[in-house]
Amino acid sequence: MATVTSTDNKGLIYDSFIFSLSLLAVANLCISLLLFFQPDIVNVVVIMNLFLSVVFFGDFLYRLFSSDGKWQYLIRYGGWADLISSVPFPGMKIFRLYRIAITGKGLYQFRAEKMADELSAKRAEGALYVIILWIILIIEIGSILILHVERLADHASILSAMDAIWWSFVTITTVGYGDLYPVTYAGRFIAIILMISGVGVFGTLAGFLSTKLVSPRKQTDKPSGETPGTYEQKIDILLARLDAQQELTAALLQRLEQYEMSSGSGMVET
């Protein structure tokens, strides 16, 4: 019977990414309950949860279609919870706790050596997931903070949750679009932090893309199926062939000496 294990099938890096987003979704649910008296900030969390719902639904489809036992995944390995938690209603994110428990258990069972090997082998992929997670966190935290300090200020242009999210996004990507801008000192300080973070994030993303573009070229230079161990084997084979060649050369020299000696003795007799 086919088995489905989330961590083994999807990889440490991908599962860690979904695990982190699940924690964020549950944290957003707690924020919505604790800050119910600040509807503007709750709206930021609700909008971000809509985005997370799309990601979770994509994760559900990926796990479903890549699993050998689809019914096992749906019933036994939390597929039903993944599907329910992808419904775009804040309360449904409580079902992410099931995925957190399953993935957390799988990550805990990983050996330290195996984790280090996968992180070393997939550094570019790991960097990409970290960048995506970092962008999501920056946009959400930046939106909450800027809305909190700007919405009641005189002549403020950032007045709603959508304004705050739009401003945070364009500040990270383009260092500001100009249609929305902070008017308070605290808001400008937040803008500086987001600008610096955006430069770092997209600089790392550019490095990731260059790595992915260069890596296939390096791989095509090597014959398929070669591993670092085969080079040592080839060296051993070459050394063995050199030894055999030396033995053959010594045997030929010995025969030449014998031939010269026999030829010389024949000439003396004549």
Protein backbone atom coordinates (compact mmCIF):
# COMPACT_ATOMS: atom_id res chain seq x y z
CA MET A 1 0.00 0.00 0.00
CA ALA A 2 1.33 3.42 -0.90
CA THR A 3 2.29 5.72 1.89
CA VAL A 4 2.34 9.47 1.97
CA THR A 5 4.71 11.39 4.15
CA SER A 6 4.68 15.10 3.78
CA THR A 7 8.26 15.84 4.67
CA ASP A 8 9.79 12.93 2.72
CA ASN A 9 7.78 13.61 -0.45
CA LYS A 10 7.87 17.39 -0.58
CA GLY A 11 11.30 18.13 0.80
CA LEU A 12 12.57 19.84 3.89
CA ILE A 13 12.77 23.31 2.35
CA TYR A 14 9.28 23.36 0.85
CA ASP A 15 7.68 21.92 3.99
CA SER A 16 9.50 24.45 6.15
CA PHE A 17 8.11 27.23 3.94
CA ILE A 18 4.52 25.97 4.23
CA PHE A 19 5.06 25.40 7.95
CA SER A 20 6.10 29.05 8.37
CA LEU A 21 3.11 30.32 6.37
CA SER A 22 0.81 28.16 8.48
CA LEU A 23 2.21 29.71 11.64
CA LEU A 24 1.63 33.15 10.12
CA ALA A 25 -1.98 32.27 9.27
CA VAL A 26 -2.66 31.13 12.84
CA ALA A 27 -0.95 34.26 14.18
CA ASN A 28 -3.18 36.38 11.93
CA LEU A 29 -6.22 34.63 13.35
CA CYS A 30 -5.07 35.54 16.87
CA ILE A 31 -4.46 39.15 15.81
CA SER A 32 -7.98 39.35 14.37
CA LEU A 33 -9.44 38.15 17.66
CA LEU A 34 -7.27 40.30 19.93
CA LEU A 35 -7.49 43.54 17.90
CA PHE A 36 -11.16 43.35 16.96
CA PHE A 37 -11.56 46.92 18.21
CA GLN A 38 -9.21 48.19 15.46
CA PRO A 39 -11.02 47.22 12.25
CA ASP A 40 -8.51 48.88 9.91
CA ILE A 41 -5.64 46.75 11.22
CA VAL A 42 -7.85 43.65 11.19
CA ASN A 43 -8.62 44.39 7.54
CA VAL A 44 -4.89 44.24 6.74
CA VAL A 45 -4.73 40.79 8.31
CA VAL A 46 -7.87 39.68 6.47
CA ILE A 47 -6.46 40.77 3.10
CA MET A 48 -3.16 38.99 3.78
CA ASN A 49 -5.09 35.87 4.76
CA LEU A 50 -6.85 35.98 1.39
CA PHE A 51 -3.44 35.78 -0.26
CA LEU A 52 -2.41 32.95 2.07
CA SER A 53 -5.61 31.10 1.19
CA VAL A 54 -4.55 31.06 -2.46
CA VAL A 55 -1.12 29.72 -1.48
CA PHE A 56 -2.64 27.03 0.75
CA PHE A 57 -5.05 25.93 -1.98
CA GLY A 58 -2.13 25.63 -4.39
CA ASP A 59 -0.27 23.60 -1.76
CA PHE A 60 -3.31 21.34 -1.37
CA LEU A 61 -3.46 20.69 -5.13
CA TYR A 62 0.29 20.06 -5.26
CA ARG A 63 0.19 17.54 -2.43
CA LEU A 64 -2.92 15.86 -3.83
CA PHE A 65 -1.69 15.34 -7.38
CA SER A 66 1.88 14.44 -6.39
CA SER A 67 0.83 11.83 -3.82
CA ASP A 68 0.77 8.15 -4.74
CA GLY A 69 -2.13 7.51 -2.39
CA LYS A 70 -4.51 10.42 -2.91
CA TRP A 71 -7.22 9.11 -0.59
CA GLN A 72 -4.64 8.46 2.12
CA TYR A 73 -3.48 12.04 1.83
CA LEU A 74 -7.06 13.36 1.96
CA ILE A 75 -8.15 11.26 4.94
CA ARG A 76 -5.08 10.20 6.90
CA TYR A 77 -2.44 12.82 6.20
CA GLY A 78 -4.39 16.05 6.62
CA GLY A 79 -5.60 16.74 3.10
CA TRP A 80 -9.07 17.54 4.37
CA ALA A 81 -7.60 20.11 6.80
CA ASP A 82 -5.48 21.64 4.03
CA LEU A 83 -8.57 22.05 1.87
CA ILE A 84 -10.74 23.55 4.63
CA SER A 85 -7.98 25.94 5.72
CA SER A 86 -7.68 27.25 2.16
CA VAL A 87 -11.25 28.58 2.33
CA PRO A 88 -10.90 32.41 2.47
CA PHE A 89 -12.54 32.91 5.86
CA PRO A 90 -10.38 33.91 8.85
CA GLY A 91 -11.85 31.29 11.18
CA MET A 92 -10.94 28.44 8.83
CA LYS A 93 -7.24 29.10 9.36
CA ILE A 94 -7.52 27.25 12.68
CA PHE A 95 -7.30 24.05 10.63
CA ARG A 96 -3.71 24.98 9.72
CA LEU A 97 -2.85 23.64 13.17
CA TYR A 98 -3.29 20.14 11.75
CA ARG A 99 -0.72 20.81 9.01
CA ILE A 100 1.56 22.46 11.57
CA ALA A 101 1.41 19.33 13.72
CA ILE A 102 2.08 16.93 10.82
CA THR A 103 4.86 18.99 9.25
CA GLY A 104 6.40 19.85 12.61
CA LYS A 105 6.60 16.17 13.49
CA GLY A 106 8.20 15.36 10.15
CA LEU A 107 10.75 18.15 10.47
CA TYR A 108 11.57 17.05 14.01
CA GLN A 109 12.33 13.54 12.79
CA PHE A 110 14.88 14.80 10.27
CA ARG A 111 18.45 14.05 11.18
CA ALA A 112 20.75 17.03 11.51
CA GLU A 113 23.04 15.58 8.82
CA LYS A 114 20.13 15.11 6.41
CA MET A 115 18.90 18.64 7.01
CA ALA A 116 22.39 20.06 6.43
CA ASP A 117 22.81 18.01 3.24
CA GLU A 118 19.51 19.17 1.75
CA LEU A 119 20.09 22.80 2.69
CA SER A 120 23.56 22.64 1.16
CA ALA A 121 22.34 20.93 -2.01
CA LYS A 122 19.39 23.30 -2.50
CA ARG A 123 20.74 26.62 -1.32
CA ALA A 124 19.22 28.56 -4.22
CA GLU A 125 15.77 27.04 -3.65
CA GLY A 126 16.02 27.73 0.07
CA ALA A 127 17.01 31.33 -0.59
CA LEU A 128 13.99 31.79 -2.87
CA TYR A 129 11.54 30.54 -0.24
CA VAL A 130 13.16 32.72 2.41
CA ILE A 131 12.81 35.74 0.11
CA ILE A 132 9.11 35.04 -0.52
CA LEU A 133 8.46 34.58 3.19
CA TRP A 134 10.40 37.74 4.01
CA ILE A 135 8.41 39.78 1.45
CA ILE A 136 5.11 38.56 2.91
CA LEU A 137 6.21 39.42 6.43
CA ILE A 138 7.53 42.85 5.44
CA ILE A 139 4.33 43.75 3.60
CA GLU A 140 2.07 42.64 6.44
CA ILE A 141 4.07 44.13 9.31
CA GLY A 142 4.84 47.30 7.37
CA SER A 143 1.17 47.73 6.45
CA ILE A 144 0.00 47.32 10.04
CA LEU A 145 2.60 49.75 11.39
CA ILE A 146 2.16 52.43 8.72
CA LEU A 147 -1.62 52.35 9.04
CA HIS A 148 -1.37 52.61 12.82
CA VAL A 149 0.83 55.72 12.75
CA GLU A 150 -0.63 57.45 9.66
CA ARG A 151 -4.38 56.98 9.56
CA LEU A 152 -5.15 59.63 12.21
CA ALA A 153 -2.46 62.13 11.16
CA ASP A 154 -3.29 65.47 9.55
CA HIS A 155 -3.11 65.46 5.73
CA ALA A 156 -2.51 61.69 5.76
CA SER A 157 -2.85 59.83 2.46
CA ILE A 158 -2.65 56.29 3.87
CA LEU A 159 -6.11 55.84 5.33
CA SER A 160 -7.22 52.24 4.69
CA ALA A 161 -5.90 48.69 4.73
CA MET A 162 -5.63 48.60 0.93
CA ASP A 163 -3.75 51.91 0.98
CA ALA A 164 -1.29 50.50 3.51
CA ILE A 165 -0.71 47.23 1.64
CA TRP A 166 -0.29 49.04 -1.69
CA TRP A 167 2.15 51.52 -0.16
CA SER A 168 4.18 48.74 1.48
CA PHE A 169 4.39 46.78 -1.76
CA VAL A 170 5.48 49.67 -3.96
CA THR A 171 7.94 50.90 -1.31
CA ILE A 172 9.66 47.51 -1.29
CA THR A 173 9.69 47.09 -5.06
CA THR A 174 10.20 50.62 -6.41
CA VAL A 175 11.13 52.67 -3.30
CA GLY A 176 7.76 54.38 -3.50
CA TYR A 177 5.31 55.20 -6.29
CA GLY A 178 4.46 58.72 -5.12
CA ASP A 179 0.69 58.50 -4.92
CA LEU A 180 0.78 57.52 -1.23
CA TYR A 181 3.40 58.73 1.22
CA PRO A 182 3.89 59.03 5.00
CA VAL A 183 3.54 62.42 6.65
CA THR A 184 4.65 61.53 10.19
CA TYR A 185 8.20 60.99 11.40
CA ALA A 186 7.35 57.47 12.53
CA GLY A 187 5.89 56.72 9.11
CA ARG A 188 9.00 57.99 7.35
CA PHE A 189 11.18 55.84 9.58
CA ILE A 190 9.06 52.81 8.65
CA ALA A 191 9.49 53.78 4.99
CA ILE A 192 13.28 53.79 5.38
CA ILE A 193 13.22 50.31 6.90
CA LEU A 194 11.05 49.00 4.06
CA MET A 195 13.28 50.59 1.41
CA ILE A 196 16.41 49.01 2.87
CA SER A 197 14.65 45.66 3.19
CA GLY A 198 13.44 45.87 -0.40
CA VAL A 199 16.94 46.53 -1.74
CA GLY A 200 18.29 43.54 0.19
CA VAL A 201 15.45 41.25 -0.87
CA PHE A 202 15.64 41.98 -4.57
CA GLY A 203 19.43 41.92 -4.52
CA THR A 204 19.22 38.40 -3.12
CA LEU A 205 16.57 37.53 -5.71
CA ALA A 206 18.87 38.73 -8.50
CA GLY A 207 21.60 36.50 -7.09
CA PHE A 208 19.20 33.55 -7.07
CA LEU A 209 18.25 34.10 -10.71
CA SER A 210 21.88 34.36 -11.79
CA THR A 211 22.65 31.13 -9.93
CA LYS A 212 19.79 29.31 -11.65
CA LEU A 213 20.87 30.62 -15.05
CA VAL A 214 24.51 29.63 -14.59
CA SER A 215 23.94 26.24 -12.92
CA PRO A 216 22.44 24.44 -15.97
CA ARG A 217 25.43 25.50 -18.08
CA LYS A 218 27.81 24.01 -15.56
CA GLN A 219 25.80 20.82 -15.42
CA THR A 220 25.80 20.38 -19.20
CA ASP A 221 29.59 20.58 -19.24
CA LYS A 222 29.76 17.35 -17.24
CA PRO A 223 28.85 13.97 -18.73
CA SER A 224 25.58 12.65 -17.38
CA GLY A 225 25.78 10.28 -14.46
CA GLU A 226 29.15 11.49 -13.21
CA THR A 227 29.63 12.00 -9.52
CA PRO A 228 32.67 13.22 -7.59
CA GLY A 229 33.44 9.59 -6.70
CA THR A 230 33.92 8.58 -10.37
CA TYR A 231 36.94 10.88 -10.72
CA GLU A 232 38.78 8.97 -8.00
CA GLN A 233 37.90 5.71 -9.71
CA LYS A 234 39.25 7.02 -13.01
CA ILE A 235 42.51 8.03 -11.34
CA ASP A 236 42.86 4.53 -9.88
CA ILE A 237 42.24 3.01 -13.31
CA LEU A 238 44.84 5.28 -14.93
CA LEU A 239 47.42 4.39 -12.28
CA ALA A 240 46.73 0.69 -12.79
CA ARG A 241 47.16 1.10 -16.54
CA LEU A 242 50.44 2.96 -16.01
CA ASP A 243 51.72 0.12 -13.83
CA ALA A 244 50.73 -2.41 -16.46
CA GLN A 245 52.41 -0.31 -19.15
CA GLN A 246 55.61 -0.14 -17.11
CA GLU A 247 55.60 -3.92 -16.67
CA LEU A 248 55.05 -4.38 -20.41
CA THR A 249 57.87 -1.95 -21.22
CA ALA A 250 60.23 -3.78 -18.85
CA ALA A 251 59.35 -7.10 -20.50
CA LEU A 252 60.00 -5.66 -23.97
CA LEU A 253 63.37 -4.26 -22.86
CA GLN A 254 64.30 -7.64 -21.44
CA ARG A 255 63.41 -9.34 -24.71
CA LEU A 256 65.43 -6.77 -26.66
CA GLU A 257 68.46 -7.43 -24.46
CA GLN A 258 68.06 -11.15 -24.97
CA TYR A 259 67.73 -10.61 -28.72
CA GLU A 260 70.87 -8.45 -28.83
CA MET A 261 72.80 -11.03 -26.80
CA SER A 262 71.68 -13.85 -29.05
CA SER A 263 72.46 -11.80 -32.16
CA GLY A 264 75.93 -10.94 -30.86
CA SER A 265 76.79 -14.55 -30.02
CA GLY A 266 75.68 -15.62 -33.52
CA MET A 267 78.00 -13.11 -35.16
CA VAL A 268 80.97 -14.33 -33.06
CA GLU A 269 80.41 -17.94 -34.11
CA THR A 270 80.46 -16.97 -37.80
